[in-house]
Amino acid sequence: MSELVREIVELNAGIDGDEDSPLLVVEVEGLAPTAGWTQVRLEPHVYITPPDDGFQDFDLVGDRPADPAAEVMTAVEAGWEGPLDDWVIGVRVHAIDNMIEDEIFEPWDEADDADDADSEAA
């Protein structure tokens, strides 16, 4: 049975793809309370209505070993990639002891802003 890992250590979220079909890409590193966890993954929260803050929530979960070999914090990692909903401005990942947020921005906006600045300077 799946359960939350102990702690989130690092979160990286961004956008891949293009303007017509952007993809949300999330990578996370965490700590499990014992060695031997399997099927560590990010499970996105499903919303009926998008949250007011614009953050897509995920749980970092995995399967605890039936008989753990060592009671020592063990590094785990997971990734998730899927369609980017138009309301998403950031990602929030939850564990037992903490949660971490990361804002995302559309990469094509930066290029458009640079083009606008160049044309204004001319």
PDB file of N, CA and C in Angstrom:
ATOM      1  N   MET A   1       0.827  -1.177   0.000  1.00  0.00           N
ATOM      2  CA  MET A   1       0.000   0.000   0.000  1.00  0.00           C
ATOM      3  C   MET A   1       0.877   1.248   0.000  1.00  0.00           C
ATOM      4  N   SER A   2       0.520   2.231  -0.812  1.00  0.00           N
ATOM      5  CA  SER A   2       1.312   3.443  -0.964  1.00  0.00           C
ATOM      6  C   SER A   2       1.106   4.399   0.200  1.00  0.00           C
ATOM      7  N   GLU A   3       2.186   5.118   0.524  1.00  0.00           N
ATOM      8  CA  GLU A   3       2.104   6.151   1.547  1.00  0.00           C
ATOM      9  C   GLU A   3       3.099   7.261   1.227  1.00  0.00           C
ATOM     10  N   LEU A   4       2.898   8.407   1.876  1.00  0.00           N
ATOM     11  CA  LEU A   4       3.780   9.544   1.661  1.00  0.00           C
ATOM     12  C   LEU A   4       5.192   9.221   2.145  1.00  0.00           C
ATOM     13  N   VAL A   5       6.203   9.740   1.427  1.00  0.00           N
ATOM     14  CA  VAL A   5       7.571   9.632   1.913  1.00  0.00           C
ATOM     15  C   VAL A   5       7.755  10.638   3.048  1.00  0.00           C
ATOM     16  N   ARG A   6       8.895  10.604   3.701  1.00  0.00           N
ATOM     17  CA  ARG A   6       9.122  11.422   4.890  1.00  0.00           C
ATOM     18  C   ARG A   6       9.306  12.909   4.567  1.00  0.00           C
ATOM     19  N   GLU A   7      10.149  13.229   3.569  1.00  0.00           N
ATOM     20  CA  GLU A   7      10.526  14.625   3.375  1.00  0.00           C
ATOM     21  C   GLU A   7      10.853  14.918   1.915  1.00  0.00           C
ATOM     22  N   ILE A   8      10.514  16.127   1.475  1.00  0.00           N
ATOM     23  CA  ILE A   8      10.920  16.619   0.150  1.00  0.00           C
ATOM     24  C   ILE A   8      12.225  17.383   0.335  1.00  0.00           C
ATOM     25  N   VAL A   9      13.212  17.087  -0.500  1.00  0.00           N
ATOM     26  CA  VAL A   9      14.506  17.741  -0.419  1.00  0.00           C
ATOM     27  C   VAL A   9      14.649  18.795  -1.515  1.00  0.00           C
ATOM     28  N   GLU A  10      14.231  18.452  -2.734  1.00  0.00           N
ATOM     29  CA  GLU A  10      14.383  19.378  -3.864  1.00  0.00           C
ATOM     30  C   GLU A  10      13.242  19.173  -4.844  1.00  0.00           C
ATOM     31  N   LEU A  11      12.814  20.290  -5.436  1.00  0.00           N
ATOM     32  CA  LEU A  11      11.730  20.269  -6.424  1.00  0.00           C
ATOM     33  C   LEU A  11      12.125  21.137  -7.601  1.00  0.00           C
ATOM     34  N   ASN A  12      11.976  20.612  -8.792  1.00  0.00           N
ATOM     35  CA  ASN A  12      12.193  21.369 -10.022  1.00  0.00           C
ATOM     36  C   ASN A  12      10.976  21.169 -10.920  1.00  0.00           C
ATOM     37  N   ALA A  13      10.322  22.272 -11.261  1.00  0.00           N
ATOM     38  CA  ALA A  13       9.166  22.207 -12.143  1.00  0.00           C
ATOM     39  C   ALA A  13       9.388  23.175 -13.283  1.00  0.00           C
ATOM     40  N   GLY A  14       8.901  22.808 -14.453  1.00  0.00           N
ATOM     41  CA  GLY A  14       9.060  23.669 -15.619  1.00  0.00           C
ATOM     42  C   GLY A  14       8.095  23.271 -16.717  1.00  0.00           C
ATOM     43  N   ILE A  15       8.250  23.953 -17.824  1.00  0.00           N
ATOM     44  CA  ILE A  15       7.382  23.731 -18.972  1.00  0.00           C
ATOM     45  C   ILE A  15       8.232  23.255 -20.137  1.00  0.00           C
ATOM     46  N   ASP A  16       7.737  22.247 -20.832  1.00  0.00           N
ATOM     47  CA  ASP A  16       8.379  21.729 -22.030  1.00  0.00           C
ATOM     48  C   ASP A  16       7.342  21.790 -23.149  1.00  0.00           C
ATOM     49  N   GLY A  17       7.726  21.403 -24.325  1.00  0.00           N
ATOM     50  CA  GLY A  17       6.791  21.436 -25.443  1.00  0.00           C
ATOM     51  C   GLY A  17       6.763  22.823 -26.069  1.00  0.00           C
ATOM     52  N   ASP A  18       5.617  23.182 -26.651  1.00  0.00           N
ATOM     53  CA  ASP A  18       5.492  24.486 -27.297  1.00  0.00           C
ATOM     54  C   ASP A  18       4.184  25.154 -26.877  1.00  0.00           C
ATOM     55  N   GLU A  19       3.910  26.328 -27.444  1.00  0.00           N
ATOM     56  CA  GLU A  19       2.710  27.078 -27.069  1.00  0.00           C
ATOM     57  C   GLU A  19       1.426  26.300 -27.340  1.00  0.00           C
ATOM     58  N   ASP A  20       1.422  25.509 -28.405  1.00  0.00           N
ATOM     59  CA  ASP A  20       0.209  24.767 -28.769  1.00  0.00           C
ATOM     60  C   ASP A  20      -0.048  23.560 -27.877  1.00  0.00           C
ATOM     61  N   SER A  21       1.005  22.916 -27.397  1.00  0.00           N
ATOM     62  CA  SER A  21       0.825  21.768 -26.503  1.00  0.00           C
ATOM     63  C   SER A  21       1.902  21.770 -25.419  1.00  0.00           C
ATOM     64  N   PRO A  22       1.767  22.685 -24.451  1.00  0.00           N
ATOM     65  CA  PRO A  22       2.752  22.743 -23.371  1.00  0.00           C
ATOM     66  C   PRO A  22       2.610  21.559 -22.410  1.00  0.00           C
ATOM     67  N   LEU A  23       3.748  21.121 -21.899  1.00  0.00           N
ATOM     68  CA  LEU A  23       3.780  20.024 -20.934  1.00  0.00           C
ATOM     69  C   LEU A  23       4.345  20.530 -19.613  1.00  0.00           C
ATOM     70  N   LEU A  24       3.731  20.128 -18.525  1.00  0.00           N
ATOM     71  CA  LEU A  24       4.255  20.393 -17.196  1.00  0.00           C
ATOM     72  C   LEU A  24       5.210  19.259 -16.850  1.00  0.00           C
ATOM     73  N   VAL A  25       6.425  19.614 -16.466  1.00  0.00           N
ATOM     74  CA  VAL A  25       7.447  18.629 -16.108  1.00  0.00           C
ATOM     75  C   VAL A  25       7.853  18.878 -14.655  1.00  0.00           C
ATOM     76  N   VAL A  26       7.745  17.839 -13.832  1.00  0.00           N
ATOM     77  CA  VAL A  26       8.052  17.958 -12.410  1.00  0.00           C
ATOM     78  C   VAL A  26       9.051  16.872 -12.032  1.00  0.00           C
ATOM     79  N   GLU A  27      10.126  17.272 -11.350  1.00  0.00           N
ATOM     80  CA  GLU A  27      11.118  16.329 -10.840  1.00  0.00           C
ATOM     81  C   GLU A  27      11.335  16.639  -9.370  1.00  0.00           C
ATOM     82  N   VAL A  28      11.385  15.606  -8.553  1.00  0.00           N
ATOM     83  CA  VAL A  28      11.511  15.814  -7.110  1.00  0.00           C
ATOM     84  C   VAL A  28      12.445  14.788  -6.500  1.00  0.00           C
ATOM     85  N   GLU A  29      13.188  15.231  -5.486  1.00  0.00           N
ATOM     86  CA  GLU A  29      14.028  14.344  -4.688  1.00  0.00           C
ATOM     87  C   GLU A  29      13.519  14.410  -3.259  1.00  0.00           C
ATOM     88  N   GLY A  30      13.507  13.265  -2.601  1.00  0.00           N
ATOM     89  CA  GLY A  30      13.017  13.212  -1.236  1.00  0.00           C
ATOM     90  C   GLY A  30      13.759  12.184  -0.414  1.00  0.00           C
ATOM     91  N   LEU A  31      13.261  12.005   0.813  1.00  0.00           N
ATOM     92  CA  LEU A  31      13.847  11.029   1.726  1.00  0.00           C
ATOM     93  C   LEU A  31      12.750  10.111   2.236  1.00  0.00           C
ATOM     94  N   ALA A  32      12.992   8.812   2.116  1.00  0.00           N
ATOM     95  CA  ALA A  32      12.092   7.798   2.679  1.00  0.00           C
ATOM     96  C   ALA A  32      12.649   7.405   4.049  1.00  0.00           C
ATOM     97  N   PRO A  33      11.779   7.002   4.976  1.00  0.00           N
ATOM     98  CA  PRO A  33      12.247   6.709   6.332  1.00  0.00           C
ATOM     99  C   PRO A  33      13.048   5.410   6.479  1.00  0.00           C
ATOM    100  N   THR A  34      12.992   4.544   5.470  1.00  0.00           N
ATOM    101  CA  THR A  34      13.752   3.288   5.518  1.00  0.00           C
ATOM    102  C   THR A  34      14.285   2.983   4.127  1.00  0.00           C
ATOM    103  N   ALA A  35      15.174   2.042   4.059  1.00  0.00           N
ATOM    104  CA  ALA A  35      15.666   1.559   2.768  1.00  0.00           C
ATOM    105  C   ALA A  35      14.617   0.646   2.144  1.00  0.00           C
ATOM    106  N   GLY A  36      14.689   0.482   0.820  1.00  0.00           N
ATOM    107  CA  GLY A  36      13.867  -0.509   0.139  1.00  0.00           C
ATOM    108  C   GLY A  36      12.514  -0.058  -0.389  1.00  0.00           C
ATOM    109  N   TRP A  37      12.231   1.245  -0.389  1.00  0.00           N
ATOM    110  CA  TRP A  37      10.954   1.717  -0.935  1.00  0.00           C
ATOM    111  C   TRP A  37      10.924   1.474  -2.442  1.00  0.00           C
ATOM    112  N   THR A  38       9.752   1.105  -2.957  1.00  0.00           N
ATOM    113  CA  THR A  38       9.596   0.857  -4.388  1.00  0.00           C
ATOM    114  C   THR A  38       8.462   1.714  -4.937  1.00  0.00           C
ATOM    115  N   GLN A  39       8.405   1.791  -6.231  1.00  0.00           N
ATOM    116  CA  GLN A  39       7.346   2.501  -6.953  1.00  0.00           C
ATOM    117  C   GLN A  39       7.140   3.921  -6.424  1.00  0.00           C
ATOM    118  N   VAL A  40       8.242   4.618  -6.170  1.00  0.00           N
ATOM    119  CA  VAL A  40       8.153   6.005  -5.715  1.00  0.00           C
ATOM    120  C   VAL A  40       7.700   6.844  -6.906  1.00  0.00           C
ATOM    121  N   ARG A  41       6.677   7.675  -6.675  1.00  0.00           N
ATOM    122  CA  ARG A  41       6.082   8.433  -7.777  1.00  0.00           C
ATOM    123  C   ARG A  41       5.384   9.678  -7.258  1.00  0.00           C
ATOM    124  N   LEU A  42       5.083  10.563  -8.190  1.00  0.00           N
ATOM    125  CA  LEU A  42       4.296  11.758  -7.905  1.00  0.00           C
ATOM    126  C   LEU A  42       2.854  11.485  -8.298  1.00  0.00           C
ATOM    127  N   GLU A  43       1.936  11.696  -7.383  1.00  0.00           N
ATOM    128  CA  GLU A  43       0.517  11.540  -7.681  1.00  0.00           C
ATOM    129  C   GLU A  43      -0.137  12.923  -7.645  1.00  0.00           C
ATOM    130  N   PRO A  44      -0.637  13.390  -8.800  1.00  0.00           N
ATOM    131  CA  PRO A  44      -1.263  14.712  -8.835  1.00  0.00           C
ATOM    132  C   PRO A  44      -2.625  14.715  -8.151  1.00  0.00           C
ATOM    133  N   HIS A  45      -2.942  15.808  -7.469  1.00  0.00           N
ATOM    134  CA  HIS A  45      -4.289  15.977  -6.927  1.00  0.00           C
ATOM    135  C   HIS A  45      -5.217  16.284  -8.095  1.00  0.00           C
ATOM    136  N   VAL A  46      -6.426  15.783  -8.049  1.00  0.00           N
ATOM    137  CA  VAL A  46      -7.417  16.014  -9.090  1.00  0.00           C
ATOM    138  C   VAL A  46      -8.427  17.022  -8.549  1.00  0.00           C
ATOM    139  N   TYR A  47      -8.691  18.052  -9.332  1.00  0.00           N
ATOM    140  CA  TYR A  47      -9.569  19.129  -8.887  1.00  0.00           C
ATOM    141  C   TYR A  47     -10.861  19.154  -9.691  1.00  0.00           C
ATOM    142  N   ILE A  48     -11.973  19.425  -9.008  1.00  0.00           N
ATOM    143  CA  ILE A  48     -13.230  19.674  -9.701  1.00  0.00           C
ATOM    144  C   ILE A  48     -13.207  21.108 -10.224  1.00  0.00           C
ATOM    145  N   THR A  49     -12.762  22.026  -9.361  1.00  0.00           N
ATOM    146  CA  THR A  49     -12.522  23.414  -9.770  1.00  0.00           C
ATOM    147  C   THR A  49     -11.069  23.729  -9.454  1.00  0.00           C
ATOM    148  N   PRO A  50     -10.387  24.435 -10.333  1.00  0.00           N
ATOM    149  CA  PRO A  50      -8.977  24.757 -10.087  1.00  0.00           C
ATOM    150  C   PRO A  50      -8.815  25.539  -8.775  1.00  0.00           C
ATOM    151  N   PRO A  51      -7.725  25.317  -8.066  1.00  0.00           N
ATOM    152  CA  PRO A  51      -7.493  26.042  -6.813  1.00  0.00           C
ATOM    153  C   PRO A  51      -7.259  27.537  -7.077  1.00  0.00           C
ATOM    154  N   ASP A  52      -7.697  28.361  -6.143  1.00  0.00           N
ATOM    155  CA  ASP A  52      -7.570  29.811  -6.294  1.00  0.00           C
ATOM    156  C   ASP A  52      -6.119  30.276  -6.402  1.00  0.00           C
ATOM    157  N   ASP A  53      -5.190  29.559  -5.759  1.00  0.00           N
ATOM    158  CA  ASP A  53      -3.794  30.006  -5.782  1.00  0.00           C
ATOM    159  C   ASP A  53      -3.046  29.583  -7.043  1.00  0.00           C
ATOM    160  N   GLY A  54      -3.648  28.750  -7.904  1.00  0.00           N
ATOM    161  CA  GLY A  54      -3.018  28.356  -9.167  1.00  0.00           C
ATOM    162  C   GLY A  54      -1.925  27.310  -9.037  1.00  0.00           C
ATOM    163  N   PHE A  55      -1.830  26.655  -7.886  1.00  0.00           N
ATOM    164  CA  PHE A  55      -0.796  25.641  -7.693  1.00  0.00           C
ATOM    165  C   PHE A  55      -1.374  24.246  -7.851  1.00  0.00           C
ATOM    166  N   GLN A  56      -0.716  23.448  -8.692  1.00  0.00           N
ATOM    167  CA  GLN A  56      -1.065  22.032  -8.857  1.00  0.00           C
ATOM    168  C   GLN A  56      -0.354  21.273  -7.743  1.00  0.00           C
ATOM    169  N   ASP A  57      -1.117  20.573  -6.914  1.00  0.00           N
ATOM    170  CA  ASP A  57      -0.543  19.796  -5.815  1.00  0.00           C
ATOM    171  C   ASP A  57      -0.244  18.368  -6.247  1.00  0.00           C
ATOM    172  N   PHE A  58       0.838  17.842  -5.691  1.00  0.00           N
ATOM    173  CA  PHE A  58       1.248  16.449  -5.894  1.00  0.00           C
ATOM    174  C   PHE A  58       1.609  15.858  -4.542  1.00  0.00           C
ATOM    175  N   ASP A  59       1.448  14.552  -4.403  1.00  0.00           N
ATOM    176  CA  ASP A  59       1.958  13.813  -3.249  1.00  0.00           C
ATOM    177  C   ASP A  59       3.115  12.960  -3.728  1.00  0.00           C
ATOM    178  N   LEU A  60       4.227  12.967  -2.983  1.00  0.00           N
ATOM    179  CA  LEU A  60       5.342  12.068  -3.269  1.00  0.00           C
ATOM    180  C   LEU A  60       5.102  10.813  -2.443  1.00  0.00           C
ATOM    181  N   VAL A  61       4.759   9.735  -3.120  1.00  0.00           N
ATOM    182  CA  VAL A  61       4.382   8.494  -2.448  1.00  0.00           C
ATOM    183  C   VAL A  61       5.223   7.327  -2.959  1.00  0.00           C
ATOM    184  N   GLY A  62       5.169   6.244  -2.210  1.00  0.00           N
ATOM    185  CA  GLY A  62       5.842   5.017  -2.611  1.00  0.00           C
ATOM    186  C   GLY A  62       5.333   3.871  -1.771  1.00  0.00           C
ATOM    187  N   ASP A  63       5.861   2.691  -2.055  1.00  0.00           N
ATOM    188  CA  ASP A  63       5.476   1.495  -1.328  1.00  0.00           C
ATOM    189  C   ASP A  63       6.581   1.127  -0.341  1.00  0.00           C
ATOM    190  N   ARG A  64       6.217   1.154   0.944  1.00  0.00           N
ATOM    191  CA  ARG A  64       7.157   0.817   2.011  1.00  0.00           C
ATOM    192  C   ARG A  64       7.453  -0.686   1.946  1.00  0.00           C
ATOM    193  N   PRO A  65       8.693  -1.097   2.191  1.00  0.00           N
ATOM    194  CA  PRO A  65       9.004  -2.533   2.187  1.00  0.00           C
ATOM    195  C   PRO A  65       8.315  -3.234   3.362  1.00  0.00           C
ATOM    196  N   ALA A  66       7.908  -4.471   3.154  1.00  0.00           N
ATOM    197  CA  ALA A  66       7.237  -5.240   4.201  1.00  0.00           C
ATOM    198  C   ALA A  66       8.163  -5.456   5.397  1.00  0.00           C
ATOM    199  N   ASP A  67       9.434  -5.671   5.099  1.00  0.00           N
ATOM    200  CA  ASP A  67      10.422  -5.908   6.161  1.00  0.00           C
ATOM    201  C   ASP A  67      11.653  -5.058   5.856  1.00  0.00           C
ATOM    202  N   PRO A  68      11.664  -3.780   6.279  1.00  0.00           N
ATOM    203  CA  PRO A  68      12.775  -2.901   5.917  1.00  0.00           C
ATOM    204  C   PRO A  68      14.116  -3.405   6.441  1.00  0.00           C
ATOM    205  N   ALA A  69      15.114  -3.290   5.564  1.00  0.00           N
ATOM    206  CA  ALA A  69      16.453  -3.762   5.911  1.00  0.00           C
ATOM    207  C   ALA A  69      17.143  -2.814   6.891  1.00  0.00           C
ATOM    208  N   ALA A  70      16.889  -1.515   6.751  1.00  0.00           N
ATOM    209  CA  ALA A  70      17.578  -0.551   7.598  1.00  0.00           C
ATOM    210  C   ALA A  70      16.663   0.633   7.906  1.00  0.00           C
ATOM    211  N   GLU A  71      16.654   1.045   9.155  1.00  0.00           N
ATOM    212  CA  GLU A  71      15.884   2.217   9.571  1.00  0.00           C
ATOM    213  C   GLU A  71      16.767   3.445   9.378  1.00  0.00           C
ATOM    214  N   VAL A  72      17.008   3.798   8.138  1.00  0.00           N
ATOM    215  CA  VAL A  72      17.865   4.931   7.821  1.00  0.00           C
ATOM    216  C   VAL A  72      17.214   5.727   6.689  1.00  0.00           C
ATOM    217  N   MET A  73      17.268   7.054   6.797  1.00  0.00           N
ATOM    218  CA  MET A  73      16.695   7.906   5.747  1.00  0.00           C
ATOM    219  C   MET A  73      17.386   7.578   4.423  1.00  0.00           C
ATOM    220  N   THR A  74      16.580   7.318   3.401  1.00  0.00           N
ATOM    221  CA  THR A  74      17.092   6.884   2.109  1.00  0.00           C
ATOM    222  C   THR A  74      16.596   7.814   1.017  1.00  0.00           C
ATOM    223  N   ALA A  75      17.501   8.250   0.151  1.00  0.00           N
ATOM    224  CA  ALA A  75      17.149   9.149  -0.950  1.00  0.00           C
ATOM    225  C   ALA A  75      16.256   8.436  -1.961  1.00  0.00           C
ATOM    226  N   VAL A  76      15.208   9.144  -2.393  1.00  0.00           N
ATOM    227  CA  VAL A  76      14.315   8.647  -3.441  1.00  0.00           C
ATOM    228  C   VAL A  76      14.060   9.793  -4.412  1.00  0.00           C
ATOM    229  N   GLU A  77      13.635   9.461  -5.615  1.00  0.00           N
ATOM    230  CA  GLU A  77      13.310  10.506  -6.588  1.00  0.00           C
ATOM    231  C   GLU A  77      12.174  10.028  -7.478  1.00  0.00           C
ATOM    232  N   ALA A  78      11.484  11.031  -8.051  1.00  0.00           N
ATOM    233  CA  ALA A  78      10.363  10.717  -8.936  1.00  0.00           C
ATOM    234  C   ALA A  78      10.181  11.866  -9.909  1.00  0.00           C
ATOM    235  N   GLY A  79       9.495  11.572 -10.995  1.00  0.00           N
ATOM    236  CA  GLY A  79       9.193  12.590 -11.993  1.00  0.00           C
ATOM    237  C   GLY A  79       7.789  12.417 -12.519  1.00  0.00           C
ATOM    238  N   TRP A  80       7.255  13.478 -13.082  1.00  0.00           N
ATOM    239  CA  TRP A  80       5.913  13.453 -13.656  1.00  0.00           C
ATOM    240  C   TRP A  80       5.896  14.412 -14.835  1.00  0.00           C
ATOM    241  N   GLU A  81       5.210  14.014 -15.890  1.00  0.00           N
ATOM    242  CA  GLU A  81       5.064  14.866 -17.078  1.00  0.00           C
ATOM    243  C   GLU A  81       3.641  14.695 -17.590  1.00  0.00           C
ATOM    244  N   GLY A  82       2.994  15.817 -17.868  1.00  0.00           N
ATOM    245  CA  GLY A  82       1.635  15.762 -18.374  1.00  0.00           C
ATOM    246  C   GLY A  82       1.208  17.105 -18.926  1.00  0.00           C
ATOM    247  N   PRO A  83       0.006  17.199 -19.448  1.00  0.00           N
ATOM    248  CA  PRO A  83      -0.468  18.445 -20.039  1.00  0.00           C
ATOM    249  C   PRO A  83      -0.493  19.572 -19.007  1.00  0.00           C
ATOM    250  N   LEU A  84      -0.160  20.762 -19.449  1.00  0.00           N
ATOM    251  CA  LEU A  84      -0.167  21.946 -18.589  1.00  0.00           C
ATOM    252  C   LEU A  84      -1.527  22.622 -18.699  1.00  0.00           C
ATOM    253  N   ASP A  85      -2.279  22.611 -17.609  1.00  0.00           N
ATOM    254  CA  ASP A  85      -3.562  23.308 -17.593  1.00  0.00           C
ATOM    255  C   ASP A  85      -3.307  24.812 -17.586  1.00  0.00           C
ATOM    256  N   ASP A  86      -4.205  25.586 -18.212  1.00  0.00           N
ATOM    257  CA  ASP A  86      -3.979  27.026 -18.354  1.00  0.00           C
ATOM    258  C   ASP A  86      -4.036  27.795 -17.040  1.00  0.00           C
ATOM    259  N   TRP A  87      -4.544  27.208 -15.966  1.00  0.00           N
ATOM    260  CA  TRP A  87      -4.623  27.889 -14.677  1.00  0.00           C
ATOM    261  C   TRP A  87      -3.380  27.693 -13.814  1.00  0.00           C
ATOM    262  N   VAL A  88      -2.483  26.793 -14.199  1.00  0.00           N
ATOM    263  CA  VAL A  88      -1.338  26.440 -13.353  1.00  0.00           C
ATOM    264  C   VAL A  88      -0.259  27.524 -13.413  1.00  0.00           C
ATOM    265  N   ILE A  89       0.110  28.038 -12.221  1.00  0.00           N
ATOM    266  CA  ILE A  89       1.235  28.985 -12.136  1.00  0.00           C
ATOM    267  C   ILE A  89       2.379  28.400 -11.319  1.00  0.00           C
ATOM    268  N   GLY A  90       2.135  27.255 -10.660  1.00  0.00           N
ATOM    269  CA  GLY A  90       3.171  26.639  -9.856  1.00  0.00           C
ATOM    270  C   GLY A  90       2.794  25.239  -9.438  1.00  0.00           C
ATOM    271  N   VAL A  91       3.742  24.591  -8.759  1.00  0.00           N
ATOM    272  CA  VAL A  91       3.604  23.204  -8.318  1.00  0.00           C
ATOM    273  C   VAL A  91       3.913  23.146  -6.828  1.00  0.00           C
ATOM    274  N   ARG A  92       3.165  22.318  -6.118  1.00  0.00           N
ATOM    275  CA  ARG A  92       3.389  22.101  -4.682  1.00  0.00           C
ATOM    276  C   ARG A  92       3.436  20.597  -4.453  1.00  0.00           C
ATOM    277  N   VAL A  93       4.519  20.121  -3.814  1.00  0.00           N
ATOM    278  CA  VAL A  93       4.673  18.688  -3.549  1.00  0.00           C
ATOM    279  C   VAL A  93       4.672  18.461  -2.042  1.00  0.00           C
ATOM    280  N   HIS A  94       3.891  17.457  -1.603  1.00  0.00           N
ATOM    281  CA  HIS A  94       3.697  17.160  -0.188  1.00  0.00           C
ATOM    282  C   HIS A  94       4.393  15.864   0.219  1.00  0.00           C
ATOM    283  N   ALA A  95       4.939  15.878   1.450  1.00  0.00           N
ATOM    284  CA  ALA A  95       5.476  14.691   2.117  1.00  0.00           C
ATOM    285  C   ALA A  95       4.937  14.721   3.547  1.00  0.00           C
ATOM    286  N   ILE A  96       5.380  13.800   4.384  1.00  0.00           N
ATOM    287  CA  ILE A  96       4.902  13.776   5.765  1.00  0.00           C
ATOM    288  C   ILE A  96       5.367  15.018   6.530  1.00  0.00           C
ATOM    289  N   ASP A  97       6.651  15.332   6.442  1.00  0.00           N
ATOM    290  CA  ASP A  97       7.218  16.396   7.276  1.00  0.00           C
ATOM    291  C   ASP A  97       7.220  17.782   6.653  1.00  0.00           C
ATOM    292  N   ASN A  98       7.041  17.874   5.329  1.00  0.00           N
ATOM    293  CA  ASN A  98       7.099  19.194   4.705  1.00  0.00           C
ATOM    294  C   ASN A  98       6.404  19.190   3.354  1.00  0.00           C
ATOM    295  N   MET A  99       6.401  20.359   2.753  1.00  0.00           N
ATOM    296  CA  MET A  99       5.965  20.523   1.363  1.00  0.00           C
ATOM    297  C   MET A  99       6.800  21.641   0.772  1.00  0.00           C
ATOM    298  N   ILE A 100       7.015  21.558  -0.532  1.00  0.00           N
ATOM    299  CA  ILE A 100       7.811  22.561  -1.234  1.00  0.00           C
ATOM    300  C   ILE A 100       7.023  23.031  -2.444  1.00  0.00           C
ATOM    301  N   GLU A 101       7.130  24.337  -2.732  1.00  0.00           N
ATOM    302  CA  GLU A 101       6.470  24.926  -3.895  1.00  0.00           C
ATOM    303  C   GLU A 101       7.521  25.417  -4.885  1.00  0.00           C
ATOM    304  N   ASP A 102       7.147  25.426  -6.162  1.00  0.00           N
ATOM    305  CA  ASP A 102       7.997  25.968  -7.212  1.00  0.00           C
ATOM    306  C   ASP A 102       7.090  26.625  -8.241  1.00  0.00           C
ATOM    307  N   GLU A 103       7.332  27.913  -8.528  1.00  0.00           N
ATOM    308  CA  GLU A 103       6.555  28.601  -9.552  1.00  0.00           C
ATOM    309  C   GLU A 103       7.114  28.248 -10.919  1.00  0.00           C
ATOM    310  N   ILE A 104       6.229  28.243 -11.907  1.00  0.00           N
ATOM    311  CA  ILE A 104       6.659  27.961 -13.274  1.00  0.00           C
ATOM    312  C   ILE A 104       6.262  29.123 -14.166  1.00  0.00           C
ATOM    313  N   PHE A 105       6.955  29.281 -15.238  1.00  0.00           N
ATOM    314  CA  PHE A 105       6.655  30.333 -16.204  1.00  0.00           C
ATOM    315  C   PHE A 105       6.745  29.752 -17.599  1.00  0.00           C
ATOM    316  N   GLU A 106       5.989  30.329 -18.503  1.00  0.00           N
ATOM    317  CA  GLU A 106       6.003  29.845 -19.882  1.00  0.00           C
ATOM    318  C   GLU A 106       7.284  30.325 -20.562  1.00  0.00           C
ATOM    319  N   PRO A 107       8.104  29.401 -21.079  1.00  0.00           N
ATOM    320  CA  PRO A 107       9.403  29.798 -21.628  1.00  0.00           C
ATOM    321  C   PRO A 107       9.286  30.699 -22.850  1.00  0.00           C
ATOM    322  N   TRP A 108       8.204  30.575 -23.615  1.00  0.00           N
ATOM    323  CA  TRP A 108       8.090  31.403 -24.809  1.00  0.00           C
ATOM    324  C   TRP A 108       7.799  32.853 -24.458  1.00  0.00           C
ATOM    325  N   ASP A 109       7.290  33.145 -23.261  1.00  0.00           N
ATOM    326  CA  ASP A 109       7.061  34.522 -22.844  1.00  0.00           C
ATOM    327  C   ASP A 109       8.374  35.285 -22.721  1.00  0.00           C
ATOM    328  N   GLU A 110       9.421  34.624 -22.230  1.00  0.00           N
ATOM    329  CA  GLU A 110      10.715  35.271 -22.071  1.00  0.00           C
ATOM    330  C   GLU A 110      11.263  35.711 -23.424  1.00  0.00           C
ATOM    331  N   ALA A 111      11.159  34.879 -24.432  1.00  0.00           N
ATOM    332  CA  ALA A 111      11.637  35.220 -25.768  1.00  0.00           C
ATOM    333  C   ALA A 111      10.811  36.368 -26.339  1.00  0.00           C
ATOM    334  N   ASP A 112       9.503  36.330 -26.137  1.00  0.00           N
ATOM    335  CA  ASP A 112       8.641  37.412 -26.619  1.00  0.00           C
ATOM    336  C   ASP A 112       8.986  38.728 -25.929  1.00  0.00           C
ATOM    337  N   ASP A 113       9.259  38.686 -24.608  1.00  0.00           N
ATOM    338  CA  ASP A 113       9.620  39.890 -23.861  1.00  0.00           C
ATOM    339  C   ASP A 113      10.936  40.472 -24.377  1.00  0.00           C
ATOM    340  N   ALA A 114      11.900  39.620 -24.686  1.00  0.00           N
ATOM    341  CA  ALA A 114      13.183  40.077 -25.202  1.00  0.00           C
ATOM    342  C   ALA A 114      13.000  40.726 -26.573  1.00  0.00           C
ATOM    343  N   ASP A 115      12.160  40.140 -27.429  1.00  0.00           N
ATOM    344  CA  ASP A 115      11.886  40.719 -28.742  1.00  0.00           C
ATOM    345  C   ASP A 115      11.224  42.078 -28.593  1.00  0.00           C
ATOM    346  N   ASP A 116      10.280  42.206 -27.646  1.00  0.00           N
ATOM    347  CA  ASP A 116       9.609  43.482 -27.411  1.00  0.00           C
ATOM    348  C   ASP A 116      10.587  44.539 -26.934  1.00  0.00           C
ATOM    349  N   ALA A 117      11.506  44.160 -26.050  1.00  0.00           N
ATOM    350  CA  ALA A 117      12.491  45.111 -25.531  1.00  0.00           C
ATOM    351  C   ALA A 117      13.409  45.580 -26.635  1.00  0.00           C
ATOM    352  N   ASP A 118      13.825  44.657 -27.544  1.00  0.00           N
ATOM    353  CA  ASP A 118      14.705  45.015 -28.656  1.00  0.00           C
ATOM    354  C   ASP A 118      13.999  45.989 -29.598  1.00  0.00           C
ATOM    355  N   SER A 119      12.711  45.763 -29.879  1.00  0.00           N
ATOM    356  CA  SER A 119      12.003  46.638 -30.817  1.00  0.00           C
ATOM    357  C   SER A 119      11.740  48.006 -30.188  1.00  0.00           C
ATOM    358  N   GLU A 120      11.571  48.068 -28.845  1.00  0.00           N
ATOM    359  CA  GLU A 120      11.368  49.350 -28.174  1.00  0.00           C
ATOM    360  C   GLU A 120      12.656  50.154 -28.145  1.00  0.00           C
ATOM    361  N   ALA A 121      13.799  49.473 -28.039  1.00  0.00           N
ATOM    362  CA  ALA A 121      15.086  50.152 -27.984  1.00  0.00           C
ATOM    363  C   ALA A 121      15.461  50.739 -29.348  1.00  0.00           C
ATOM    364  N   ALA A 122      14.926  50.191 -30.413  1.00  0.00           N
ATOM    365  CA  ALA A 122      15.305  50.618 -31.769  1.00  0.00           C
ATOM    366  C   ALA A 122      14.618  51.861 -32.205  1.00  0.00           C
TER     367      ALA A 122
END
